[in-house]
PDB file of N, CA and C in Angstrom:
ATOM      1  N   MET A   1     -14.014   0.012  -5.206  1.00  0.00           N
ATOM      2  CA  MET A   1     -14.195  -1.086  -6.398  1.00  0.00           C
ATOM      3  C   MET A   1     -12.834  -1.785  -6.435  1.00  0.00           C
ATOM      4  N   PRO A   2     -12.853  -3.240  -6.411  1.00  0.00           N
ATOM      5  CA  PRO A   2     -11.510  -3.944  -6.373  1.00  0.00           C
ATOM      6  C   PRO A   2     -10.832  -3.724  -7.838  1.00  0.00           C
ATOM      7  N   LEU A   3      -9.575  -3.818  -7.777  1.00  0.00           N
ATOM      8  CA  LEU A   3      -8.781  -3.827  -9.170  1.00  0.00           C
ATOM      9  C   LEU A   3      -9.144  -5.167  -9.975  1.00  0.00           C
ATOM     10  N   LYS A   4      -9.119  -4.778 -11.152  1.00  0.00           N
ATOM     11  CA  LYS A   4      -9.217  -5.941 -12.069  1.00  0.00           C
ATOM     12  C   LYS A   4      -8.034  -6.415 -12.572  1.00  0.00           C
ATOM     13  N   GLY A   5      -7.702  -7.663 -13.065  1.00  0.00           N
ATOM     14  CA  GLY A   5      -6.392  -8.207 -13.178  1.00  0.00           C
ATOM     15  C   GLY A   5      -5.445  -7.496 -14.153  1.00  0.00           C
ATOM     16  N   LYS A   6      -5.850  -6.828 -15.092  1.00  0.00           N
ATOM     17  CA  LYS A   6      -5.219  -6.049 -15.941  1.00  0.00           C
ATOM     18  C   LYS A   6      -4.605  -4.805 -15.178  1.00  0.00           C
ATOM     19  N   GLN A   7      -5.533  -4.197 -14.139  1.00  0.00           N
ATOM     20  CA  GLN A   7      -5.104  -2.921 -13.597  1.00  0.00           C
ATOM     21  C   GLN A   7      -4.085  -3.260 -12.416  1.00  0.00           C
ATOM     22  N   ALA A   8      -4.338  -4.423 -11.867  1.00  0.00           N
ATOM     23  CA  ALA A   8      -3.280  -4.944 -10.754  1.00  0.00           C
ATOM     24  C   ALA A   8      -1.949  -5.144 -11.408  1.00  0.00           C
ATOM     25  N   ARG A   9      -1.839  -5.850 -12.657  1.00  0.00           N
ATOM     26  CA  ARG A   9      -0.635  -6.258 -13.190  1.00  0.00           C
ATOM     27  C   ARG A   9       0.018  -4.956 -13.633  1.00  0.00           C
ATOM     28  N   TYR A  10      -0.726  -3.855 -14.027  1.00  0.00           N
ATOM     29  CA  TYR A  10      -0.114  -2.598 -14.552  1.00  0.00           C
ATOM     30  C   TYR A  10       0.557  -1.899 -13.252  1.00  0.00           C
ATOM     31  N   LEU A  11      -0.228  -1.843 -12.144  1.00  0.00           N
ATOM     32  CA  LEU A  11       0.383  -1.332 -10.770  1.00  0.00           C
ATOM     33  C   LEU A  11       1.459  -2.124 -10.236  1.00  0.00           C
ATOM     34  N   ARG A  12       1.566  -3.471 -10.516  1.00  0.00           N
ATOM     35  CA  ARG A  12       2.670  -4.204 -10.123  1.00  0.00           C
ATOM     36  C   ARG A  12       3.979  -3.899 -10.877  1.00  0.00           C
ATOM     37  N   SER A  13       3.580  -3.609 -12.226  1.00  0.00           N
ATOM     38  CA  SER A  13       4.833  -3.294 -12.999  1.00  0.00           C
ATOM     39  C   SER A  13       5.336  -1.841 -12.594  1.00  0.00           C
ATOM     40  N   LEU A  14       4.477  -0.952 -12.261  1.00  0.00           N
ATOM     41  CA  LEU A  14       4.976   0.374 -11.934  1.00  0.00           C
ATOM     42  C   LEU A  14       5.714   0.353 -10.537  1.00  0.00           C
ATOM     43  N   ALA A  15       5.296  -0.671  -9.688  1.00  0.00           N
ATOM     44  CA  ALA A  15       5.701  -0.697  -8.175  1.00  0.00           C
ATOM     45  C   ALA A  15       7.062  -1.396  -8.199  1.00  0.00           C
ATOM     46  N   HIS A  16       7.308  -2.112  -9.307  1.00  0.00           N
ATOM     47  CA  HIS A  16       8.569  -3.061  -9.248  1.00  0.00           C
ATOM     48  C   HIS A  16       9.783  -2.391  -8.768  1.00  0.00           C
ATOM     49  N   HIS A  17      10.143  -1.098  -9.174  1.00  0.00           N
ATOM     50  CA  HIS A  17      11.304  -0.570  -8.867  1.00  0.00           C
ATOM     51  C   HIS A  17      11.268   0.353  -7.462  1.00  0.00           C
ATOM     52  N   LEU A  18      10.062   0.428  -6.978  1.00  0.00           N
ATOM     53  CA  LEU A  18       9.852   1.181  -5.760  1.00  0.00           C
ATOM     54  C   LEU A  18      10.464   0.595  -4.476  1.00  0.00           C
ATOM     55  N   LYS A  19      11.004   1.375  -3.614  1.00  0.00           N
ATOM     56  CA  LYS A  19      11.470   0.896  -2.250  1.00  0.00           C
ATOM     57  C   LYS A  19      10.353   0.966  -1.294  1.00  0.00           C
ATOM     58  N   PRO A  20      10.288   0.333  -0.268  1.00  0.00           N
ATOM     59  CA  PRO A  20       9.263   0.730   0.788  1.00  0.00           C
ATOM     60  C   PRO A  20       9.491   1.942   1.463  1.00  0.00           C
ATOM     61  N   VAL A  21       8.256   2.644   1.604  1.00  0.00           N
ATOM     62  CA  VAL A  21       8.256   4.105   2.163  1.00  0.00           C
ATOM     63  C   VAL A  21       7.883   4.128   3.738  1.00  0.00           C
ATOM     64  N   VAL A  22       7.093   3.058   4.067  1.00  0.00           N
ATOM     65  CA  VAL A  22       6.473   2.839   5.382  1.00  0.00           C
ATOM     66  C   VAL A  22       6.923   1.374   5.800  1.00  0.00           C
ATOM     67  N   LEU A  23       7.343   1.397   7.121  1.00  0.00           N
ATOM     68  CA  LEU A  23       7.751   0.184   7.825  1.00  0.00           C
ATOM     69  C   LEU A  23       6.845  -0.161   9.122  1.00  0.00           C
ATOM     70  N   ILE A  24       6.219  -1.256   9.089  1.00  0.00           N
ATOM     71  CA  ILE A  24       5.428  -1.607  10.330  1.00  0.00           C
ATOM     72  C   ILE A  24       6.311  -2.395  11.110  1.00  0.00           C
ATOM     73  N   GLY A  25       6.367  -2.025  12.468  1.00  0.00           N
ATOM     74  CA  GLY A  25       7.339  -2.699  13.262  1.00  0.00           C
ATOM     75  C   GLY A  25       6.536  -3.336  14.544  1.00  0.00           C
ATOM     76  N   ASN A  26       7.273  -3.326  15.681  1.00  0.00           N
ATOM     77  CA  ASN A  26       6.568  -4.055  16.872  1.00  0.00           C
ATOM     78  C   ASN A  26       5.239  -3.335  17.372  1.00  0.00           C
ATOM     79  N   GLY A  27       4.959  -2.183  16.975  1.00  0.00           N
ATOM     80  CA  GLY A  27       3.822  -1.603  17.370  1.00  0.00           C
ATOM     81  C   GLY A  27       2.509  -2.021  16.614  1.00  0.00           C
ATOM     82  N   GLY A  28       2.881  -2.741  15.451  1.00  0.00           N
ATOM     83  CA  GLY A  28       1.648  -2.947  14.628  1.00  0.00           C
ATOM     84  C   GLY A  28       1.263  -1.657  13.855  1.00  0.00           C
ATOM     85  N   ILE A  29       0.072  -1.754  13.507  1.00  0.00           N
ATOM     86  CA  ILE A  29      -0.604  -0.543  12.717  1.00  0.00           C
ATOM     87  C   ILE A  29      -1.060   0.383  13.714  1.00  0.00           C
ATOM     88  N   THR A  30      -0.234   1.470  13.970  1.00  0.00           N
ATOM     89  CA  THR A  30      -0.581   2.369  14.939  1.00  0.00           C
ATOM     90  C   THR A  30      -1.206   3.619  14.126  1.00  0.00           C
ATOM     91  N   GLN A  31      -1.653   4.698  14.904  1.00  0.00           N
ATOM     92  CA  GLN A  31      -2.238   5.902  14.181  1.00  0.00           C
ATOM     93  C   GLN A  31      -1.170   6.635  13.547  1.00  0.00           C
ATOM     94  N   ALA A  32       0.202   6.609  13.894  1.00  0.00           N
ATOM     95  CA  ALA A  32       1.124   7.268  13.233  1.00  0.00           C
ATOM     96  C   ALA A  32       1.442   6.488  11.987  1.00  0.00           C
ATOM     97  N   VAL A  33       1.333   5.258  11.870  1.00  0.00           N
ATOM     98  CA  VAL A  33       1.654   4.505  10.789  1.00  0.00           C
ATOM     99  C   VAL A  33       0.606   4.786   9.619  1.00  0.00           C
ATOM    100  N   GLU A  34      -0.579   4.705  10.365  1.00  0.00           N
ATOM    101  CA  GLU A  34      -1.969   5.082   9.260  1.00  0.00           C
ATOM    102  C   GLU A  34      -1.609   6.372   8.687  1.00  0.00           C
ATOM    103  N   ARG A  35      -1.291   7.367   9.527  1.00  0.00           N
ATOM    104  CA  ARG A  35      -1.117   8.783   8.899  1.00  0.00           C
ATOM    105  C   ARG A  35       0.026   8.901   7.970  1.00  0.00           C
ATOM    106  N   LYS A  36       1.151   8.093   8.292  1.00  0.00           N
ATOM    107  CA  LYS A  36       2.221   8.100   7.248  1.00  0.00           C
ATOM    108  C   LYS A  36       1.738   7.467   6.058  1.00  0.00           C
ATOM    109  N   VAL A  37       1.317   6.440   5.944  1.00  0.00           N
ATOM    110  CA  VAL A  37       0.706   5.697   4.877  1.00  0.00           C
ATOM    111  C   VAL A  37      -0.292   6.568   4.071  1.00  0.00           C
ATOM    112  N   ASP A  38      -1.190   7.400   4.836  1.00  0.00           N
ATOM    113  CA  ASP A  38      -2.211   8.199   4.190  1.00  0.00           C
ATOM    114  C   ASP A  38      -1.441   9.453   3.273  1.00  0.00           C
ATOM    115  N   ILE A  39      -0.329   9.951   4.003  1.00  0.00           N
ATOM    116  CA  ILE A  39       0.410  11.020   3.449  1.00  0.00           C
ATOM    117  C   ILE A  39       1.138  10.558   2.418  1.00  0.00           C
ATOM    118  N   GLU A  40       1.807   9.306   2.403  1.00  0.00           N
ATOM    119  CA  GLU A  40       2.391   8.856   1.390  1.00  0.00           C
ATOM    120  C   GLU A  40       1.596   8.527   0.041  1.00  0.00           C
ATOM    121  N   LEU A  41       0.499   7.992   0.438  1.00  0.00           N
ATOM    122  CA  LEU A  41      -0.397   7.610  -0.761  1.00  0.00           C
ATOM    123  C   LEU A  41      -0.972   8.842  -1.406  1.00  0.00           C
ATOM    124  N   GLU A  42      -1.214   9.913  -0.713  1.00  0.00           N
ATOM    125  CA  GLU A  42      -1.591  11.097  -1.284  1.00  0.00           C
ATOM    126  C   GLU A  42      -0.418  11.695  -2.236  1.00  0.00           C
ATOM    127  N   ASN A  43       0.882  11.586  -1.721  1.00  0.00           N
ATOM    128  CA  ASN A  43       1.999  12.219  -2.437  1.00  0.00           C
ATOM    129  C   ASN A  43       2.281  11.351  -3.627  1.00  0.00           C
ATOM    130  N   HIS A  44       2.255  10.075  -3.601  1.00  0.00           N
ATOM    131  CA  HIS A  44       2.734   9.181  -4.651  1.00  0.00           C
ATOM    132  C   HIS A  44       1.710   8.220  -5.423  1.00  0.00           C
ATOM    133  N   GLU A  45       0.469   7.934  -4.692  1.00  0.00           N
ATOM    134  CA  GLU A  45      -0.444   7.251  -5.295  1.00  0.00           C
ATOM    135  C   GLU A  45      -0.165   5.744  -5.247  1.00  0.00           C
ATOM    136  N   LEU A  46       1.050   5.223  -5.417  1.00  0.00           N
ATOM    137  CA  LEU A  46       1.302   3.882  -5.224  1.00  0.00           C
ATOM    138  C   LEU A  46       2.486   3.847  -4.403  1.00  0.00           C
ATOM    139  N   ILE A  47       2.506   2.893  -3.330  1.00  0.00           N
ATOM    140  CA  ILE A  47       3.717   2.821  -2.435  1.00  0.00           C
ATOM    141  C   ILE A  47       3.823   1.320  -2.028  1.00  0.00           C
ATOM    142  N   LYS A  48       4.933   1.206  -1.528  1.00  0.00           N
ATOM    143  CA  LYS A  48       5.372  -0.071  -0.834  1.00  0.00           C
ATOM    144  C   LYS A  48       5.315  -0.038   0.687  1.00  0.00           C
ATOM    145  N   VAL A  49       4.767  -0.874   1.369  1.00  0.00           N
ATOM    146  CA  VAL A  49       4.835  -1.041   2.724  1.00  0.00           C
ATOM    147  C   VAL A  49       5.462  -2.269   3.262  1.00  0.00           C
ATOM    148  N   LYS A  50       6.528  -2.135   4.195  1.00  0.00           N
ATOM    149  CA  LYS A  50       7.243  -3.470   4.553  1.00  0.00           C
ATOM    150  C   LYS A  50       6.779  -3.557   6.008  1.00  0.00           C
ATOM    151  N   VAL A  51       6.263  -5.011   6.279  1.00  0.00           N
ATOM    152  CA  VAL A  51       5.974  -5.536   7.608  1.00  0.00           C
ATOM    153  C   VAL A  51       7.308  -6.258   8.166  1.00  0.00           C
ATOM    154  N   LEU A  52       7.803  -5.629   9.089  1.00  0.00           N
ATOM    155  CA  LEU A  52       9.282  -6.093   9.708  1.00  0.00           C
ATOM    156  C   LEU A  52       9.016  -7.444  10.320  1.00  0.00           C
ATOM    157  N   GLN A  53       9.970  -8.230  10.579  1.00  0.00           N
ATOM    158  CA  GLN A  53       9.793  -9.552  11.222  1.00  0.00           C
ATOM    159  C   GLN A  53       9.267  -9.547  12.742  1.00  0.00           C
ATOM    160  N   GLY A  54       9.528  -8.472  13.428  1.00  0.00           N
ATOM    161  CA  GLY A  54       8.981  -8.504  14.762  1.00  0.00           C
ATOM    162  C   GLY A  54       7.537  -7.901  14.776  1.00  0.00           C
ATOM    163  N   ALA A  55       6.973  -7.640  13.867  1.00  0.00           N
ATOM    164  CA  ALA A  55       5.755  -6.908  13.934  1.00  0.00           C
ATOM    165  C   ALA A  55       4.721  -8.171  14.368  1.00  0.00           C
ATOM    166  N   PRO A  56       3.539  -7.665  15.085  1.00  0.00           N
ATOM    167  CA  PRO A  56       2.727  -8.590  15.381  1.00  0.00           C
ATOM    168  C   PRO A  56       1.652  -9.093  14.549  1.00  0.00           C
ATOM    169  N   LEU A  57       1.894  -8.527  13.271  1.00  0.00           N
ATOM    170  CA  LEU A  57       0.936  -9.121  12.263  1.00  0.00           C
ATOM    171  C   LEU A  57       1.628  -9.422  11.031  1.00  0.00           C
ATOM    172  N   SER A  58       1.216 -10.226  10.154  1.00  0.00           N
ATOM    173  CA  SER A  58       1.867 -10.391   8.794  1.00  0.00           C
ATOM    174  C   SER A  58       1.424  -9.476   7.851  1.00  0.00           C
ATOM    175  N   ALA A  59       1.972  -9.664   6.626  1.00  0.00           N
ATOM    176  CA  ALA A  59       1.696  -8.633   5.479  1.00  0.00           C
ATOM    177  C   ALA A  59       0.140  -8.906   5.001  1.00  0.00           C
ATOM    178  N   LYS A  60      -0.167 -10.308   5.122  1.00  0.00           N
ATOM    179  CA  LYS A  60      -1.369 -10.762   4.631  1.00  0.00           C
ATOM    180  C   LYS A  60      -2.498 -10.275   5.570  1.00  0.00           C
ATOM    181  N   ALA A  61      -2.155  -9.947   6.739  1.00  0.00           N
ATOM    182  CA  ALA A  61      -3.200  -9.633   7.895  1.00  0.00           C
ATOM    183  C   ALA A  61      -3.234  -8.052   7.747  1.00  0.00           C
ATOM    184  N   ALA A  62      -2.050  -7.420   7.557  1.00  0.00           N
ATOM    185  CA  ALA A  62      -1.946  -5.837   7.488  1.00  0.00           C
ATOM    186  C   ALA A  62      -2.584  -5.248   6.165  1.00  0.00           C
ATOM    187  N   ALA A  63      -2.624  -6.050   5.035  1.00  0.00           N
ATOM    188  CA  ALA A  63      -3.083  -5.431   3.928  1.00  0.00           C
ATOM    189  C   ALA A  63      -4.440  -5.133   3.922  1.00  0.00           C
ATOM    190  N   PRO A  64      -5.449  -5.973   4.302  1.00  0.00           N
ATOM    191  CA  PRO A  64      -6.931  -5.677   4.374  1.00  0.00           C
ATOM    192  C   PRO A  64      -7.087  -4.453   5.256  1.00  0.00           C
ATOM    193  N   LEU A  65      -6.388  -4.426   6.480  1.00  0.00           N
ATOM    194  CA  LEU A  65      -6.645  -3.505   7.404  1.00  0.00           C
ATOM    195  C   LEU A  65      -6.137  -2.177   7.002  1.00  0.00           C
ATOM    196  N   LEU A  66      -5.122  -1.935   6.284  1.00  0.00           N
ATOM    197  CA  LEU A  66      -4.771  -0.727   5.573  1.00  0.00           C
ATOM    198  C   LEU A  66      -5.673  -0.343   4.363  1.00  0.00           C
ATOM    199  N   GLU A  67      -6.310  -1.345   3.795  1.00  0.00           N
ATOM    200  CA  GLU A  67      -7.078  -1.143   2.635  1.00  0.00           C
ATOM    201  C   GLU A  67      -8.303  -0.513   2.930  1.00  0.00           C
ATOM    202  N   GLU A  68      -8.973  -1.179   4.318  1.00  0.00           N
ATOM    203  CA  GLU A  68     -10.195  -0.677   4.749  1.00  0.00           C
ATOM    204  C   GLU A  68     -10.022   0.727   5.441  1.00  0.00           C
ATOM    205  N   ARG A  69      -9.081   0.889   6.326  1.00  0.00           N
ATOM    206  CA  ARG A  69      -8.873   2.236   7.025  1.00  0.00           C
ATOM    207  C   ARG A  69      -8.524   3.428   6.280  1.00  0.00           C
ATOM    208  N   LEU A  70      -7.720   3.143   5.007  1.00  0.00           N
ATOM    209  CA  LEU A  70      -7.309   4.367   4.223  1.00  0.00           C
ATOM    210  C   LEU A  70      -7.994   4.353   2.923  1.00  0.00           C
ATOM    211  N   GLY A  71      -8.971   3.495   2.522  1.00  0.00           N
ATOM    212  CA  GLY A  71      -9.663   3.596   1.389  1.00  0.00           C
ATOM    213  C   GLY A  71      -8.572   3.299   0.171  1.00  0.00           C
ATOM    214  N   ALA A  72      -7.621   2.535   0.305  1.00  0.00           N
ATOM    215  CA  ALA A  72      -6.566   2.067  -0.686  1.00  0.00           C
ATOM    216  C   ALA A  72      -6.919   0.677  -1.202  1.00  0.00           C
ATOM    217  N   GLN A  73      -6.276   0.344  -2.244  1.00  0.00           N
ATOM    218  CA  GLN A  73      -6.271  -0.830  -2.797  1.00  0.00           C
ATOM    219  C   GLN A  73      -5.070  -1.549  -2.909  1.00  0.00           C
ATOM    220  N   VAL A  74      -5.143  -2.924  -2.565  1.00  0.00           N
ATOM    221  CA  VAL A  74      -3.947  -3.719  -2.565  1.00  0.00           C
ATOM    222  C   VAL A  74      -3.662  -4.277  -3.811  1.00  0.00           C
ATOM    223  N   ALA A  75      -2.573  -3.919  -4.513  1.00  0.00           N
ATOM    224  CA  ALA A  75      -2.152  -4.298  -5.675  1.00  0.00           C
ATOM    225  C   ALA A  75      -1.374  -5.655  -5.735  1.00  0.00           C
ATOM    226  N   GLN A  76      -0.666  -5.723  -4.619  1.00  0.00           N
ATOM    227  CA  GLN A  76       0.109  -7.007  -4.482  1.00  0.00           C
ATOM    228  C   GLN A  76       0.522  -7.215  -3.087  1.00  0.00           C
ATOM    229  N   ILE A  77       0.663  -8.512  -2.767  1.00  0.00           N
ATOM    230  CA  ILE A  77       1.347  -8.926  -1.411  1.00  0.00           C
ATOM    231  C   ILE A  77       2.249  -9.880  -1.752  1.00  0.00           C
ATOM    232  N   ILE A  78       3.684  -9.660  -1.494  1.00  0.00           N
ATOM    233  CA  ILE A  78       4.790 -10.583  -1.690  1.00  0.00           C
ATOM    234  C   ILE A  78       5.665 -10.570  -0.666  1.00  0.00           C
ATOM    235  N   GLY A  79       5.762 -11.742   0.091  1.00  0.00           N
ATOM    236  CA  GLY A  79       6.438 -11.835   1.216  1.00  0.00           C
ATOM    237  C   GLY A  79       5.980 -11.004   2.490  1.00  0.00           C
ATOM    238  N   ARG A  80       6.913 -10.123   2.795  1.00  0.00           N
ATOM    239  CA  ARG A  80       6.453  -9.052   3.731  1.00  0.00           C
ATOM    240  C   ARG A  80       6.011  -7.646   3.305  1.00  0.00           C
ATOM    241  N   THR A  81       6.020  -7.599   2.043  1.00  0.00           N
ATOM    242  CA  THR A  81       5.759  -6.153   1.309  1.00  0.00           C
ATOM    243  C   THR A  81       4.288  -6.100   0.718  1.00  0.00           C
ATOM    244  N   VAL A  82       3.649  -5.068   0.985  1.00  0.00           N
ATOM    245  CA  VAL A  82       2.343  -4.835   0.518  1.00  0.00           C
ATOM    246  C   VAL A  82       2.485  -3.672  -0.446  1.00  0.00           C
ATOM    247  N   VAL A  83       2.002  -3.830  -1.801  1.00  0.00           N
ATOM    248  CA  VAL A  83       1.724  -2.572  -2.567  1.00  0.00           C
ATOM    249  C   VAL A  83       0.547  -2.074  -2.419  1.00  0.00           C
ATOM    250  N   LEU A  84       0.371  -0.727  -2.118  1.00  0.00           N
ATOM    251  CA  LEU A  84      -0.998  -0.013  -1.994  1.00  0.00           C
ATOM    252  C   LEU A  84      -1.132   1.036  -2.947  1.00  0.00           C
ATOM    253  N   TYR A  85      -2.511   1.027  -3.477  1.00  0.00           N
ATOM    254  CA  TYR A  85      -2.670   2.203  -4.544  1.00  0.00           C
ATOM    255  C   TYR A  85      -3.941   2.863  -4.078  1.00  0.00           C
ATOM    256  N   ARG A  86      -3.916   4.186  -4.186  1.00  0.00           N
ATOM    257  CA  ARG A  86      -5.059   5.070  -4.126  1.00  0.00           C
ATOM    258  C   ARG A  86      -4.812   6.215  -4.787  1.00  0.00           C
ATOM    259  N   PRO A  87      -5.629   6.529  -5.743  1.00  0.00           N
ATOM    260  CA  PRO A  87      -5.603   7.710  -6.711  1.00  0.00           C
ATOM    261  C   PRO A  87      -5.800   9.018  -5.665  1.00  0.00           C
ATOM    262  N   ARG A  88      -4.984  10.084  -6.202  1.00  0.00           N
ATOM    263  CA  ARG A  88      -5.173  11.426  -5.574  1.00  0.00           C
ATOM    264  C   ARG A  88      -6.515  12.041  -5.694  1.00  0.00           C
ATOM    265  N   GLU A  89      -7.057  12.702  -4.800  1.00  0.00           N
ATOM    266  CA  GLU A  89      -8.293  13.399  -4.916  1.00  0.00           C
ATOM    267  C   GLU A  89      -8.259  14.405  -6.063  1.00  0.00           C
ATOM    268  N   GLU A  90      -7.175  14.995  -6.266  1.00  0.00           N
ATOM    269  CA  GLU A  90      -7.229  16.098  -7.430  1.00  0.00           C
ATOM    270  C   GLU A  90      -5.991  15.885  -8.335  1.00  0.00           C
ATOM    271  N   ASP A  91      -6.187  15.804  -9.388  1.00  0.00           N
ATOM    272  CA  ASP A  91      -5.074  15.662 -10.536  1.00  0.00           C
ATOM    273  C   ASP A  91      -4.377  14.279 -10.327  1.00  0.00           C
ATOM    274  N   PRO A  92      -4.949  13.043 -10.446  1.00  0.00           N
ATOM    275  CA  PRO A  92      -4.323  11.777 -10.234  1.00  0.00           C
ATOM    276  C   PRO A  92      -3.275  11.674 -11.443  1.00  0.00           C
ATOM    277  N   GLU A  93      -2.149  11.065 -10.995  1.00  0.00           N
ATOM    278  CA  GLU A  93      -0.959  10.980 -11.958  1.00  0.00           C
ATOM    279  C   GLU A  93      -1.007   9.547 -12.547  1.00  0.00           C
ATOM    280  N   ILE A  94      -1.459   8.465 -12.018  1.00  0.00           N
ATOM    281  CA  ILE A  94      -1.479   7.158 -12.431  1.00  0.00           C
ATOM    282  C   ILE A  94      -2.877   6.993 -13.145  1.00  0.00           C
ATOM    283  N   VAL A  95      -2.963   6.580 -14.385  1.00  0.00           N
ATOM    284  CA  VAL A  95      -4.209   6.187 -15.060  1.00  0.00           C
ATOM    285  C   VAL A  95      -4.361   4.832 -15.312  1.00  0.00           C
ATOM    286  N   LEU A  96      -5.299   4.157 -14.622  1.00  0.00           N
ATOM    287  CA  LEU A  96      -5.333   2.600 -14.685  1.00  0.00           C
ATOM    288  C   LEU A  96      -6.001   2.409 -16.273  1.00  0.00           C
ATOM    289  N   PRO A  97      -5.443   1.108 -16.831  1.00  0.00           N
ATOM    290  CA  PRO A  97      -5.990   0.832 -17.965  1.00  0.00           C
ATOM    291  C   PRO A  97      -7.229   0.449 -17.955  1.00  0.00           C
TER     292      PRO A  97
END
């Protein structure tokens, strides 16, 4: 289910102070990148992913791929940074409004 406007704004406010925890480089979205994003989403629920300048795809192209492959939701795409959200299976920490 896509995020509603109020939910996306709430997640953006939570993500404002976060630093990118995953970098997408020359190899694009590899299995290792997918695994790392999956682990970080399970640990933190809300993360930033940075697409480096040498990457073969843009942040706008990477966001829907990550969203589809990992069952996450894109809260924001700004420049080369994507904010992803996925609630934990058990005991989610972030409660959406």
